[in-house]
């Protein structure tokens, strides 16, 4: 059974999460604060962590740092904070995804399942197939109906990063750093231009992206 560590100091939310997860046959541990969360993570070795950023002792960012010091367990952040910079910081520190409070339980459970799949061994498949195109990561090729879709080196690098993090938000900062280098941090117009080019080549309707999804003010996500 998949083990979930729920870290939230709001008893009603923690209880609701635990009830819903156990009803779906997850094993659940609950921690009301950051120190307990880190201790339980080391003791119980969860398959995924659902983490509230607003905790009474350690900040949620410190919990992410603590976990990432020794573990690559998927971390799904819950945040009541409206400032997107908090979410971006959590993702840059190593969180895998976020859900903003208040949240729908169905969405949270779907994102949790996706996080568990990404954390499973052997998921990094060399070929990713969608209804409209295929990305061969090993061959560095994109095809549609057995015909190559020509991408520039920069377009490929962006697409590869997003595909390798399938379903996970990749922040603007991460993309700029990986594609253009560490000196690039604020040139978000580069991303807008190149994502628009990729959408014209890959999306059935570039004005309504199905695969290359924008998270406003934060980054982009590949949805296969």
N, C-alpha and C. Protein backbone atom coordinates (compact mmCIF):
# COMPACT_ATOMS: atom_id res chain seq x y z
N UNK A 1 0.84 -1.20 0.00
CA UNK A 1 0.00 0.00 0.00
C UNK A 1 0.87 1.25 0.00
N UNK A 2 0.39 2.28 -0.68
CA UNK A 2 1.11 3.55 -0.73
C UNK A 2 0.95 4.27 0.60
N UNK A 3 2.07 4.73 1.15
CA UNK A 3 2.05 5.44 2.43
C UNK A 3 2.15 6.94 2.18
N UNK A 4 1.22 7.69 2.77
CA UNK A 4 1.17 9.14 2.63
C UNK A 4 1.42 9.79 3.99
N UNK A 5 2.29 10.77 4.01
CA UNK A 5 2.50 11.58 5.21
C UNK A 5 1.79 12.92 5.00
N UNK A 6 0.77 13.18 5.80
CA UNK A 6 0.01 14.43 5.73
C UNK A 6 0.56 15.37 6.81
N UNK A 7 0.99 16.55 6.40
CA UNK A 7 1.56 17.52 7.34
C UNK A 7 0.70 18.78 7.29
N UNK A 8 -0.13 18.96 8.32
CA UNK A 8 -1.04 20.11 8.35
C UNK A 8 -1.45 20.37 9.79
N UNK A 9 -1.41 21.64 10.22
CA UNK A 9 -1.75 21.97 11.60
C UNK A 9 -3.25 22.28 11.78
N UNK A 10 -4.01 22.23 10.69
CA UNK A 10 -5.46 22.44 10.79
C UNK A 10 -6.13 21.07 10.96
N UNK A 11 -6.64 20.75 12.16
CA UNK A 11 -7.17 19.41 12.42
C UNK A 11 -8.26 18.98 11.44
N UNK A 12 -9.14 19.90 11.04
CA UNK A 12 -10.22 19.52 10.13
C UNK A 12 -9.70 19.07 8.78
N UNK A 13 -8.70 19.82 8.26
CA UNK A 13 -8.13 19.45 6.95
C UNK A 13 -7.37 18.14 7.06
N UNK A 14 -6.56 18.01 8.11
CA UNK A 14 -5.79 16.77 8.29
C UNK A 14 -6.72 15.57 8.41
N UNK A 15 -7.81 15.74 9.18
CA UNK A 15 -8.76 14.63 9.37
C UNK A 15 -9.45 14.28 8.05
N UNK A 16 -9.88 15.31 7.32
CA UNK A 16 -10.56 15.05 6.04
C UNK A 16 -9.63 14.34 5.06
N UNK A 17 -8.38 14.78 5.01
CA UNK A 17 -7.42 14.12 4.12
C UNK A 17 -7.21 12.66 4.52
N UNK A 18 -7.02 12.44 5.82
CA UNK A 18 -6.77 11.08 6.30
C UNK A 18 -7.96 10.17 5.99
N UNK A 19 -9.19 10.65 6.21
CA UNK A 19 -10.37 9.84 5.94
C UNK A 19 -10.48 9.51 4.45
N UNK A 20 -10.30 10.51 3.59
CA UNK A 20 -10.41 10.29 2.15
C UNK A 20 -9.32 9.36 1.62
N UNK A 21 -8.11 9.53 2.14
CA UNK A 21 -7.01 8.69 1.67
C UNK A 21 -7.17 7.24 2.15
N UNK A 22 -7.55 7.07 3.41
CA UNK A 22 -7.72 5.69 3.91
C UNK A 22 -8.87 4.99 3.20
N UNK A 23 -9.91 5.75 2.84
CA UNK A 23 -11.03 5.16 2.09
C UNK A 23 -10.58 4.65 0.72
N UNK A 24 -9.47 5.21 0.23
CA UNK A 24 -8.93 4.79 -1.07
C UNK A 24 -7.72 3.87 -0.89
N UNK A 25 -7.60 3.31 0.30
CA UNK A 25 -6.62 2.27 0.60
C UNK A 25 -5.17 2.77 0.64
N UNK A 26 -4.99 4.03 1.01
CA UNK A 26 -3.66 4.53 1.33
C UNK A 26 -3.40 4.31 2.82
N UNK A 27 -2.13 4.09 3.16
CA UNK A 27 -1.73 4.16 4.56
C UNK A 27 -1.37 5.61 4.86
N UNK A 28 -1.83 6.13 5.99
CA UNK A 28 -1.70 7.56 6.27
C UNK A 28 -1.07 7.79 7.64
N UNK A 29 -0.05 8.65 7.67
CA UNK A 29 0.49 9.19 8.90
C UNK A 29 0.21 10.69 8.89
N UNK A 30 -0.08 11.26 10.05
CA UNK A 30 -0.42 12.68 10.15
C UNK A 30 0.55 13.36 11.11
N UNK A 31 1.08 14.49 10.68
CA UNK A 31 1.97 15.30 11.53
C UNK A 31 1.40 16.71 11.63
N UNK A 32 1.25 17.27 12.85
CA UNK A 32 0.68 18.60 13.01
C UNK A 32 1.70 19.73 12.90
N UNK A 33 2.98 19.39 12.78
CA UNK A 33 4.02 20.42 12.69
C UNK A 33 5.23 19.88 11.94
N UNK A 34 6.19 20.77 11.67
CA UNK A 34 7.33 20.41 10.85
C UNK A 34 8.28 19.42 11.49
N UNK A 35 8.56 19.60 12.78
CA UNK A 35 9.51 18.69 13.43
C UNK A 35 8.97 17.27 13.49
N UNK A 36 7.70 17.13 13.81
CA UNK A 36 7.09 15.80 13.81
C UNK A 36 7.11 15.21 12.41
N UNK A 37 6.88 16.05 11.40
CA UNK A 37 6.89 15.57 10.01
C UNK A 37 8.25 14.99 9.64
N UNK A 38 9.31 15.70 9.96
CA UNK A 38 10.65 15.22 9.61
C UNK A 38 10.98 13.93 10.34
N UNK A 39 10.56 13.83 11.61
CA UNK A 39 10.81 12.60 12.38
C UNK A 39 10.02 11.43 11.79
N UNK A 40 8.74 11.66 11.45
CA UNK A 40 7.92 10.59 10.88
C UNK A 40 8.44 10.17 9.50
N UNK A 41 8.90 11.14 8.72
CA UNK A 41 9.41 10.82 7.38
C UNK A 41 10.62 9.89 7.50
N UNK A 42 11.51 10.17 8.45
CA UNK A 42 12.69 9.33 8.63
C UNK A 42 12.32 7.95 9.16
N UNK A 43 11.29 7.91 10.00
CA UNK A 43 10.91 6.64 10.63
C UNK A 43 10.04 5.78 9.72
N UNK A 44 9.09 6.40 9.02
CA UNK A 44 8.06 5.65 8.28
C UNK A 44 8.33 5.57 6.78
N UNK A 45 9.23 6.41 6.25
CA UNK A 45 9.60 6.41 4.84
C UNK A 45 8.37 6.44 3.92
N UNK A 46 7.64 7.55 3.92
CA UNK A 46 6.43 7.64 3.09
C UNK A 46 6.75 7.61 1.61
N UNK A 47 5.74 7.25 0.81
CA UNK A 47 5.87 7.27 -0.65
C UNK A 47 5.57 8.65 -1.23
N UNK A 48 4.85 9.49 -0.46
CA UNK A 48 4.54 10.84 -0.88
C UNK A 48 4.21 11.66 0.36
N UNK A 49 4.55 12.96 0.32
CA UNK A 49 4.28 13.87 1.44
C UNK A 49 3.33 14.96 0.96
N UNK A 50 2.25 15.17 1.71
CA UNK A 50 1.33 16.28 1.46
C UNK A 50 1.62 17.31 2.54
N UNK A 51 2.14 18.47 2.14
CA UNK A 51 2.74 19.41 3.09
C UNK A 51 2.09 20.79 3.03
N UNK A 52 1.56 21.23 4.17
CA UNK A 52 1.08 22.60 4.30
C UNK A 52 2.29 23.51 4.52
N UNK A 53 2.33 24.66 3.85
CA UNK A 53 3.45 25.59 4.05
C UNK A 53 3.36 26.32 5.38
N UNK A 54 2.14 26.59 5.86
CA UNK A 54 1.97 27.38 7.08
C UNK A 54 1.91 26.49 8.31
N UNK A 55 3.04 26.23 8.92
CA UNK A 55 3.11 25.35 10.09
C UNK A 55 3.50 26.16 11.33
N UNK A 56 3.16 25.67 12.52
CA UNK A 56 3.37 26.47 13.74
C UNK A 56 4.81 26.53 14.23
N UNK A 57 5.65 25.59 13.81
CA UNK A 57 7.04 25.61 14.29
C UNK A 57 7.99 25.92 13.15
N UNK A 58 8.34 24.93 12.36
CA UNK A 58 9.18 25.16 11.19
C UNK A 58 8.33 25.67 10.04
N UNK A 59 8.89 26.55 9.24
CA UNK A 59 8.22 26.95 8.01
C UNK A 59 8.22 25.76 7.05
N UNK A 60 7.19 25.67 6.22
CA UNK A 60 7.13 24.59 5.25
C UNK A 60 8.36 24.51 4.36
N UNK A 61 8.95 25.68 4.06
CA UNK A 61 10.18 25.67 3.25
C UNK A 61 11.29 24.89 3.95
N UNK A 62 11.38 25.05 5.28
CA UNK A 62 12.41 24.33 6.04
C UNK A 62 12.16 22.83 6.00
N UNK A 63 10.91 22.44 6.02
CA UNK A 63 10.58 21.02 5.94
C UNK A 63 11.01 20.46 4.58
N UNK A 64 10.77 21.22 3.50
CA UNK A 64 11.21 20.78 2.17
C UNK A 64 12.72 20.62 2.15
N UNK A 65 13.43 21.63 2.68
CA UNK A 65 14.90 21.54 2.72
C UNK A 65 15.35 20.32 3.52
N UNK A 66 14.69 20.10 4.65
CA UNK A 66 15.05 18.96 5.48
C UNK A 66 14.84 17.64 4.77
N UNK A 67 13.73 17.51 4.08
CA UNK A 67 13.46 16.27 3.34
C UNK A 67 14.42 16.09 2.17
N UNK A 68 14.66 17.18 1.45
CA UNK A 68 15.52 17.07 0.27
C UNK A 68 16.99 16.85 0.64
N UNK A 69 17.33 17.03 1.90
CA UNK A 69 18.69 16.75 2.34
C UNK A 69 19.03 15.28 2.26
N UNK A 70 18.02 14.41 2.24
CA UNK A 70 18.30 12.97 2.22
C UNK A 70 17.32 12.15 1.40
N UNK A 71 16.24 12.75 0.91
CA UNK A 71 15.19 11.97 0.26
C UNK A 71 14.69 12.67 -1.00
N UNK A 72 14.27 11.86 -1.97
CA UNK A 72 13.62 12.38 -3.18
C UNK A 72 12.13 12.05 -3.19
N UNK A 73 11.55 11.80 -2.00
CA UNK A 73 10.13 11.51 -1.91
C UNK A 73 9.32 12.64 -2.56
N UNK A 74 8.30 12.32 -3.36
CA UNK A 74 7.46 13.37 -3.95
C UNK A 74 6.80 14.21 -2.85
N UNK A 75 6.82 15.52 -3.04
CA UNK A 75 6.22 16.46 -2.08
C UNK A 75 5.14 17.26 -2.78
N UNK A 76 3.92 17.15 -2.29
CA UNK A 76 2.78 17.92 -2.80
C UNK A 76 2.45 18.99 -1.77
N UNK A 77 2.65 20.24 -2.14
CA UNK A 77 2.47 21.36 -1.21
C UNK A 77 1.03 21.83 -1.21
N UNK A 78 0.51 22.12 0.00
CA UNK A 78 -0.76 22.84 0.17
C UNK A 78 -0.43 24.25 0.61
N UNK A 79 -1.06 25.24 -0.01
CA UNK A 79 -0.73 26.62 0.33
C UNK A 79 -1.98 27.48 0.36
N UNK A 80 -2.16 28.22 1.47
CA UNK A 80 -3.24 29.20 1.53
C UNK A 80 -2.71 30.58 1.13
N UNK A 81 -1.42 30.67 0.84
CA UNK A 81 -0.82 31.96 0.51
C UNK A 81 -1.13 32.33 -0.93
N UNK A 82 -1.49 33.57 -1.15
CA UNK A 82 -1.89 34.02 -2.48
C UNK A 82 -0.70 34.47 -3.32
N UNK A 83 0.42 34.77 -2.68
CA UNK A 83 1.60 35.27 -3.40
C UNK A 83 2.24 34.12 -4.16
N UNK A 84 2.30 34.23 -5.48
CA UNK A 84 2.87 33.15 -6.28
C UNK A 84 4.34 32.92 -5.98
N UNK A 85 5.03 33.94 -5.42
CA UNK A 85 6.46 33.77 -5.12
C UNK A 85 6.68 32.69 -4.08
N UNK A 86 5.73 32.52 -3.14
CA UNK A 86 5.85 31.44 -2.15
C UNK A 86 5.79 30.08 -2.83
N UNK A 87 4.88 29.95 -3.79
CA UNK A 87 4.75 28.67 -4.50
C UNK A 87 6.00 28.40 -5.34
N UNK A 88 6.48 29.45 -6.00
CA UNK A 88 7.68 29.29 -6.82
C UNK A 88 8.87 28.87 -5.95
N UNK A 89 9.01 29.50 -4.78
CA UNK A 89 10.12 29.14 -3.89
C UNK A 89 10.01 27.68 -3.46
N UNK A 90 8.80 27.24 -3.12
CA UNK A 90 8.62 25.84 -2.71
C UNK A 90 9.02 24.90 -3.83
N UNK A 91 8.63 25.21 -5.06
CA UNK A 91 8.97 24.36 -6.20
C UNK A 91 10.47 24.38 -6.47
N UNK A 92 11.09 25.56 -6.35
CA UNK A 92 12.53 25.64 -6.56
C UNK A 92 13.31 24.88 -5.50
N UNK A 93 12.76 24.79 -4.29
CA UNK A 93 13.44 24.06 -3.22
C UNK A 93 13.32 22.54 -3.41
N UNK A 94 12.40 22.11 -4.27
CA UNK A 94 12.30 20.68 -4.52
C UNK A 94 10.93 20.08 -4.39
N UNK A 95 9.90 20.90 -4.10
CA UNK A 95 8.54 20.36 -4.11
C UNK A 95 8.16 19.95 -5.53
N UNK A 96 7.27 18.97 -5.63
CA UNK A 96 6.89 18.45 -6.94
C UNK A 96 5.65 19.10 -7.52
N UNK A 97 4.78 19.60 -6.64
CA UNK A 97 3.53 20.18 -7.13
C UNK A 97 2.93 20.99 -5.99
N UNK A 98 1.86 21.74 -6.29
CA UNK A 98 1.19 22.52 -5.26
C UNK A 98 -0.31 22.53 -5.52
N UNK A 99 -1.04 22.70 -4.46
CA UNK A 99 -2.49 22.90 -4.54
C UNK A 99 -2.82 24.07 -3.61
N UNK A 100 -3.59 25.02 -4.11
CA UNK A 100 -3.93 26.19 -3.32
C UNK A 100 -5.20 25.93 -2.51
N UNK A 101 -5.15 26.28 -1.23
CA UNK A 101 -6.35 26.19 -0.38
C UNK A 101 -7.28 27.37 -0.67
N UNK A 102 -8.59 27.18 -0.60
CA UNK A 102 -9.29 25.90 -0.46
C UNK A 102 -9.19 25.08 -1.73
N UNK A 103 -9.21 23.76 -1.59
CA UNK A 103 -9.00 22.90 -2.74
C UNK A 103 -10.13 21.89 -2.85
N UNK A 104 -10.31 21.37 -4.05
CA UNK A 104 -11.26 20.28 -4.26
C UNK A 104 -10.57 18.95 -3.99
N UNK A 105 -11.23 18.07 -3.28
CA UNK A 105 -10.61 16.79 -2.92
C UNK A 105 -10.26 15.97 -4.15
N UNK A 106 -11.12 16.00 -5.18
CA UNK A 106 -10.83 15.22 -6.39
C UNK A 106 -9.54 15.69 -7.06
N UNK A 107 -9.36 17.02 -7.13
CA UNK A 107 -8.13 17.55 -7.74
C UNK A 107 -6.91 17.16 -6.91
N UNK A 108 -7.02 17.30 -5.60
CA UNK A 108 -5.89 16.96 -4.74
C UNK A 108 -5.52 15.49 -4.91
N UNK A 109 -6.52 14.61 -4.92
CA UNK A 109 -6.23 13.18 -5.06
C UNK A 109 -5.62 12.87 -6.42
N UNK A 110 -6.07 13.55 -7.46
CA UNK A 110 -5.49 13.33 -8.79
C UNK A 110 -4.03 13.76 -8.82
N UNK A 111 -3.74 14.91 -8.21
CA UNK A 111 -2.36 15.38 -8.18
C UNK A 111 -1.49 14.47 -7.32
N UNK A 112 -2.07 13.94 -6.25
CA UNK A 112 -1.32 13.02 -5.40
C UNK A 112 -0.99 11.74 -6.18
N UNK A 113 -1.96 11.21 -6.91
CA UNK A 113 -1.69 10.01 -7.72
C UNK A 113 -0.59 10.28 -8.74
N UNK A 114 -0.63 11.46 -9.36
CA UNK A 114 0.40 11.80 -10.34
C UNK A 114 1.77 11.89 -9.68
N UNK A 115 1.83 12.48 -8.48
CA UNK A 115 3.11 12.58 -7.76
C UNK A 115 3.65 11.21 -7.42
N UNK A 116 2.78 10.30 -7.01
CA UNK A 116 3.21 8.93 -6.69
C UNK A 116 3.75 8.25 -7.95
N UNK A 117 3.07 8.43 -9.08
CA UNK A 117 3.55 7.82 -10.33
C UNK A 117 4.92 8.35 -10.71
N UNK A 118 5.11 9.68 -10.56
CA UNK A 118 6.41 10.25 -10.92
C UNK A 118 7.51 9.75 -10.02
N UNK A 119 7.16 9.43 -8.78
CA UNK A 119 8.18 8.95 -7.85
C UNK A 119 8.47 7.47 -7.98
N UNK A 120 7.67 6.75 -8.79
CA UNK A 120 7.87 5.31 -8.92
C UNK A 120 9.10 5.02 -9.77
N UNK A 121 9.85 3.95 -9.46
CA UNK A 121 11.03 3.60 -10.25
C UNK A 121 10.67 3.29 -11.69
N UNK A 122 11.56 3.67 -12.60
CA UNK A 122 11.42 3.28 -13.99
C UNK A 122 10.37 4.04 -14.77
N UNK A 123 9.93 5.19 -14.25
CA UNK A 123 8.89 5.91 -14.96
C UNK A 123 9.43 6.79 -16.08
N UNK A 124 10.74 7.02 -16.11
CA UNK A 124 11.32 7.95 -17.07
C UNK A 124 11.45 7.25 -18.42
N UNK A 125 10.34 7.13 -19.14
CA UNK A 125 10.32 6.40 -20.39
C UNK A 125 10.99 7.21 -21.49
N UNK A 126 11.74 6.54 -22.40
CA UNK A 126 12.42 7.28 -23.46
C UNK A 126 11.46 7.81 -24.52
N UNK A 127 10.26 7.23 -24.63
CA UNK A 127 9.28 7.68 -25.63
C UNK A 127 7.99 8.07 -24.92
N UNK A 128 7.52 9.29 -25.19
CA UNK A 128 6.27 9.77 -24.62
C UNK A 128 5.30 10.02 -25.78
N UNK A 129 4.17 9.38 -25.73
CA UNK A 129 3.21 9.46 -26.83
C UNK A 129 1.95 10.17 -26.38
N UNK A 130 1.52 11.18 -27.13
CA UNK A 130 0.26 11.86 -26.89
C UNK A 130 -0.68 11.54 -28.05
N UNK A 131 -1.88 12.07 -28.00
CA UNK A 131 -2.84 11.84 -29.08
C UNK A 131 -2.43 12.55 -30.37
N UNK A 132 -1.52 13.53 -30.26
CA UNK A 132 -1.19 14.34 -31.43
C UNK A 132 0.26 14.26 -31.88
N UNK A 133 1.17 13.81 -31.02
CA UNK A 133 2.58 13.73 -31.41
C UNK A 133 3.30 12.79 -30.45
N UNK A 134 4.52 12.41 -30.84
CA UNK A 134 5.35 11.52 -30.04
C UNK A 134 6.71 12.17 -29.81
N UNK A 135 7.18 12.12 -28.57
CA UNK A 135 8.49 12.67 -28.21
C UNK A 135 9.41 11.50 -27.87
N UNK A 136 10.47 11.33 -28.64
CA UNK A 136 11.48 10.30 -28.38
C UNK A 136 12.67 10.98 -27.73
N UNK A 137 12.77 10.83 -26.40
CA UNK A 137 13.81 11.53 -25.65
C UNK A 137 15.20 11.02 -26.00
N UNK A 138 15.32 9.73 -26.24
CA UNK A 138 16.63 9.17 -26.54
C UNK A 138 17.13 9.63 -27.92
N UNK A 139 16.24 9.61 -28.91
CA UNK A 139 16.62 9.99 -30.27
C UNK A 139 16.54 11.50 -30.49
N UNK A 140 15.98 12.23 -29.52
CA UNK A 140 15.79 13.68 -29.64
C UNK A 140 14.97 14.01 -30.89
N UNK A 141 13.83 13.32 -31.00
CA UNK A 141 12.95 13.53 -32.15
C UNK A 141 11.52 13.72 -31.68
N UNK A 142 10.79 14.56 -32.44
CA UNK A 142 9.35 14.71 -32.25
C UNK A 142 8.70 14.37 -33.57
N UNK A 143 7.70 13.49 -33.54
CA UNK A 143 7.06 13.07 -34.78
C UNK A 143 5.55 13.17 -34.66
N UNK A 144 4.91 13.36 -35.82
CA UNK A 144 3.45 13.31 -35.95
C UNK A 144 3.14 12.50 -37.20
N UNK A 145 2.37 11.44 -37.05
CA UNK A 145 2.04 10.56 -38.18
C UNK A 145 3.31 10.11 -38.91
N UNK A 146 4.32 9.73 -38.12
CA UNK A 146 5.60 9.20 -38.62
C UNK A 146 6.45 10.24 -39.36
N UNK A 147 6.04 11.49 -39.33
CA UNK A 147 6.84 12.56 -39.95
C UNK A 147 7.48 13.42 -38.86
N UNK A 148 8.72 13.80 -39.09
CA UNK A 148 9.43 14.61 -38.10
C UNK A 148 8.85 16.01 -38.01
N UNK A 149 8.74 16.51 -36.78
CA UNK A 149 8.43 17.92 -36.53
C UNK A 149 9.75 18.60 -36.21
N UNK A 150 10.15 19.54 -37.02
CA UNK A 150 11.46 20.16 -36.86
C UNK A 150 11.43 21.20 -35.74
N UNK A 151 12.32 21.03 -34.78
CA UNK A 151 12.47 21.97 -33.67
C UNK A 151 13.87 22.54 -33.68
N UNK A 152 14.00 23.79 -33.25
CA UNK A 152 15.32 24.36 -33.05
C UNK A 152 15.93 23.75 -31.79
N UNK A 153 17.26 23.86 -31.61
CA UNK A 153 17.88 23.33 -30.39
C UNK A 153 17.26 23.89 -29.11
N UNK A 154 16.94 25.18 -29.11
CA UNK A 154 16.34 25.78 -27.91
C UNK A 154 14.94 25.25 -27.69
N UNK A 155 14.15 25.12 -28.75
CA UNK A 155 12.80 24.56 -28.61
C UNK A 155 12.87 23.14 -28.07
N UNK A 156 13.81 22.33 -28.59
CA UNK A 156 13.94 20.96 -28.10
C UNK A 156 14.32 20.94 -26.62
N UNK A 157 15.26 21.77 -26.23
CA UNK A 157 15.72 21.78 -24.83
C UNK A 157 14.57 22.12 -23.89
N UNK A 158 13.78 23.11 -24.26
CA UNK A 158 12.61 23.46 -23.45
C UNK A 158 11.61 22.30 -23.38
N UNK A 159 11.30 21.73 -24.53
CA UNK A 159 10.33 20.63 -24.57
C UNK A 159 10.84 19.43 -23.76
N UNK A 160 12.12 19.12 -23.90
CA UNK A 160 12.68 17.98 -23.18
C UNK A 160 12.56 18.16 -21.67
N UNK A 161 12.87 19.37 -21.18
CA UNK A 161 12.75 19.63 -19.75
C UNK A 161 11.32 19.45 -19.26
N UNK A 162 10.39 19.95 -20.04
CA UNK A 162 8.98 19.84 -19.63
C UNK A 162 8.50 18.39 -19.69
N UNK A 163 8.89 17.67 -20.73
CA UNK A 163 8.45 16.27 -20.87
C UNK A 163 9.06 15.40 -19.77
N UNK A 164 10.33 15.62 -19.45
CA UNK A 164 10.97 14.83 -18.39
C UNK A 164 10.35 15.11 -17.02
N UNK A 165 9.67 16.24 -16.89
CA UNK A 165 8.95 16.56 -15.65
C UNK A 165 7.44 16.49 -15.89
N UNK A 166 7.03 15.52 -16.70
CA UNK A 166 5.63 15.41 -17.12
C UNK A 166 4.66 15.50 -15.94
N UNK A 167 3.68 16.41 -16.07
CA UNK A 167 2.68 16.61 -15.04
C UNK A 167 3.11 17.51 -13.91
N UNK A 168 4.36 17.90 -13.90
CA UNK A 168 4.91 18.71 -12.81
C UNK A 168 5.18 20.13 -13.30
N UNK A 169 4.85 21.12 -12.49
CA UNK A 169 5.14 22.49 -12.86
C UNK A 169 6.65 22.72 -12.82
N UNK A 170 7.18 23.28 -13.90
CA UNK A 170 8.59 23.67 -13.95
C UNK A 170 8.61 25.19 -13.94
N UNK A 171 9.30 25.78 -12.97
CA UNK A 171 9.23 27.22 -12.80
C UNK A 171 9.97 27.96 -13.91
N UNK A 172 9.61 29.21 -14.08
CA UNK A 172 10.30 30.06 -15.05
C UNK A 172 11.79 30.11 -14.74
N UNK A 173 12.12 30.23 -13.47
CA UNK A 173 13.53 30.30 -13.07
C UNK A 173 14.29 29.04 -13.46
N UNK A 174 13.67 27.88 -13.23
CA UNK A 174 14.32 26.62 -13.61
C UNK A 174 14.56 26.54 -15.11
N UNK A 175 13.55 26.90 -15.88
CA UNK A 175 13.69 26.82 -17.33
C UNK A 175 14.76 27.77 -17.86
N UNK A 176 14.75 29.00 -17.38
CA UNK A 176 15.76 29.96 -17.81
C UNK A 176 17.16 29.49 -17.44
N UNK A 177 17.30 28.98 -16.22
CA UNK A 177 18.61 28.52 -15.74
C UNK A 177 19.12 27.35 -16.57
N UNK A 178 18.25 26.38 -16.87
CA UNK A 178 18.67 25.17 -17.57
C UNK A 178 18.92 25.41 -19.06
N UNK A 179 18.10 26.27 -19.67
CA UNK A 179 18.20 26.44 -21.12
C UNK A 179 19.18 27.54 -21.51
N UNK A 180 19.11 28.68 -20.81
CA UNK A 180 19.96 29.82 -21.19
C UNK A 180 21.15 30.03 -20.26
N UNK A 181 21.11 29.47 -19.05
CA UNK A 181 22.25 29.60 -18.15
C UNK A 181 21.91 30.35 -16.88
N UNK A 182 22.77 30.23 -15.85
CA UNK A 182 22.47 30.80 -14.53
C UNK A 182 22.37 32.32 -14.51
N UNK A 183 22.92 33.00 -15.50
CA UNK A 183 22.84 34.47 -15.53
C UNK A 183 21.45 34.95 -15.91
N UNK A 184 20.61 34.05 -16.42
CA UNK A 184 19.27 34.44 -16.88
C UNK A 184 18.26 34.10 -15.80
N UNK A 185 17.60 35.13 -15.26
CA UNK A 185 16.61 34.93 -14.22
C UNK A 185 15.30 35.65 -14.47
N UNK A 186 15.35 36.75 -15.20
CA UNK A 186 14.16 37.59 -15.37
C UNK A 186 13.68 37.69 -16.82
N UNK A 187 14.36 36.99 -17.73
CA UNK A 187 14.02 37.13 -19.14
C UNK A 187 12.83 36.24 -19.51
N UNK A 188 11.72 36.45 -18.83
CA UNK A 188 10.55 35.59 -19.06
C UNK A 188 9.97 35.77 -20.46
N UNK A 189 10.31 36.87 -21.11
CA UNK A 189 9.83 37.06 -22.49
C UNK A 189 10.42 35.99 -23.41
N UNK A 190 11.64 35.51 -23.10
CA UNK A 190 12.22 34.42 -23.89
C UNK A 190 11.30 33.21 -23.85
N UNK A 191 10.83 32.89 -22.64
CA UNK A 191 9.97 31.72 -22.48
C UNK A 191 8.68 31.88 -23.25
N UNK A 192 8.07 33.07 -23.18
CA UNK A 192 6.81 33.29 -23.88
C UNK A 192 6.98 33.09 -25.39
N UNK A 193 8.09 33.61 -25.93
CA UNK A 193 8.32 33.50 -27.37
C UNK A 193 8.50 32.04 -27.78
N UNK A 194 9.36 31.33 -27.06
CA UNK A 194 9.66 29.95 -27.46
C UNK A 194 8.51 28.99 -27.18
N UNK A 195 7.76 29.22 -26.09
CA UNK A 195 6.59 28.37 -25.85
C UNK A 195 5.53 28.61 -26.92
N UNK A 196 5.40 29.85 -27.37
CA UNK A 196 4.45 30.13 -28.45
C UNK A 196 4.85 29.39 -29.72
N UNK A 197 6.16 29.35 -30.00
CA UNK A 197 6.64 28.62 -31.19
C UNK A 197 6.37 27.13 -31.06
N UNK A 198 6.63 26.57 -29.87
CA UNK A 198 6.36 25.15 -29.66
C UNK A 198 4.88 24.83 -29.81
N UNK A 199 4.04 25.69 -29.28
CA UNK A 199 2.60 25.45 -29.39
C UNK A 199 2.13 25.47 -30.84
N UNK A 200 2.68 26.39 -31.63
CA UNK A 200 2.30 26.43 -33.05
C UNK A 200 2.68 25.13 -33.76
N UNK A 201 3.76 24.51 -33.32
CA UNK A 201 4.22 23.29 -33.98
C UNK A 201 3.55 22.03 -33.43
N UNK A 202 3.11 22.06 -32.16
CA UNK A 202 2.66 20.83 -31.51
C UNK A 202 1.18 20.80 -31.15
N UNK A 203 0.63 21.93 -30.78
CA UNK A 203 -0.74 21.94 -30.28
C UNK A 203 -1.77 21.92 -31.41
N UNK A 204 -2.85 21.14 -31.26
CA UNK A 204 -3.93 21.21 -32.25
C UNK A 204 -4.54 22.61 -32.33
N UNK A 205 -4.67 23.27 -31.18
CA UNK A 205 -5.19 24.64 -31.13
C UNK A 205 -4.24 25.45 -30.24
N UNK A 206 -3.25 26.13 -30.84
CA UNK A 206 -2.26 26.86 -30.04
C UNK A 206 -2.85 27.90 -29.11
N UNK A 207 -4.03 28.42 -29.44
CA UNK A 207 -4.65 29.44 -28.57
C UNK A 207 -5.25 28.82 -27.32
N UNK A 208 -5.46 27.50 -27.34
CA UNK A 208 -5.97 26.78 -26.17
C UNK A 208 -5.09 25.56 -25.92
N UNK A 209 -3.94 25.77 -25.33
CA UNK A 209 -2.96 24.69 -25.20
C UNK A 209 -3.51 23.51 -24.41
N UNK A 210 -3.30 22.32 -24.96
CA UNK A 210 -3.69 21.08 -24.29
C UNK A 210 -2.49 20.43 -23.59
N UNK A 211 -1.31 20.57 -24.19
CA UNK A 211 -0.13 19.87 -23.69
C UNK A 211 0.87 20.79 -22.97
N UNK A 212 1.08 21.97 -23.48
CA UNK A 212 2.05 22.91 -22.91
C UNK A 212 1.28 24.00 -22.17
N UNK A 213 1.06 23.76 -20.90
CA UNK A 213 0.12 24.56 -20.10
C UNK A 213 0.87 25.62 -19.31
N UNK A 214 0.36 26.84 -19.32
CA UNK A 214 0.94 27.94 -18.55
C UNK A 214 0.33 27.99 -17.15
N UNK A 215 1.19 28.11 -16.13
CA UNK A 215 0.76 28.43 -14.77
C UNK A 215 1.12 29.90 -14.57
N UNK A 216 0.16 30.82 -14.69
CA UNK A 216 0.47 32.25 -14.74
C UNK A 216 1.37 32.72 -13.60
N UNK A 217 2.43 33.41 -13.99
CA UNK A 217 3.36 33.99 -13.03
C UNK A 217 4.33 33.00 -12.41
N UNK A 218 4.19 31.71 -12.75
CA UNK A 218 5.03 30.70 -12.09
C UNK A 218 5.85 29.87 -13.06
N UNK A 219 5.23 29.32 -14.08
CA UNK A 219 5.99 28.48 -14.98
C UNK A 219 5.08 27.73 -15.94
N UNK A 220 5.53 26.53 -16.35
CA UNK A 220 4.83 25.76 -17.36
C UNK A 220 4.79 24.28 -16.97
N UNK A 221 3.83 23.59 -17.55
CA UNK A 221 3.61 22.18 -17.22
C UNK A 221 3.28 21.43 -18.51
N UNK A 222 3.92 20.25 -18.67
CA UNK A 222 3.57 19.37 -19.79
C UNK A 222 2.55 18.35 -19.31
N UNK A 223 1.38 18.35 -19.98
CA UNK A 223 0.32 17.40 -19.64
C UNK A 223 0.15 16.42 -20.80
N UNK A 224 0.60 15.18 -20.67
CA UNK A 224 0.52 14.22 -21.79
C UNK A 224 -0.91 13.79 -22.07
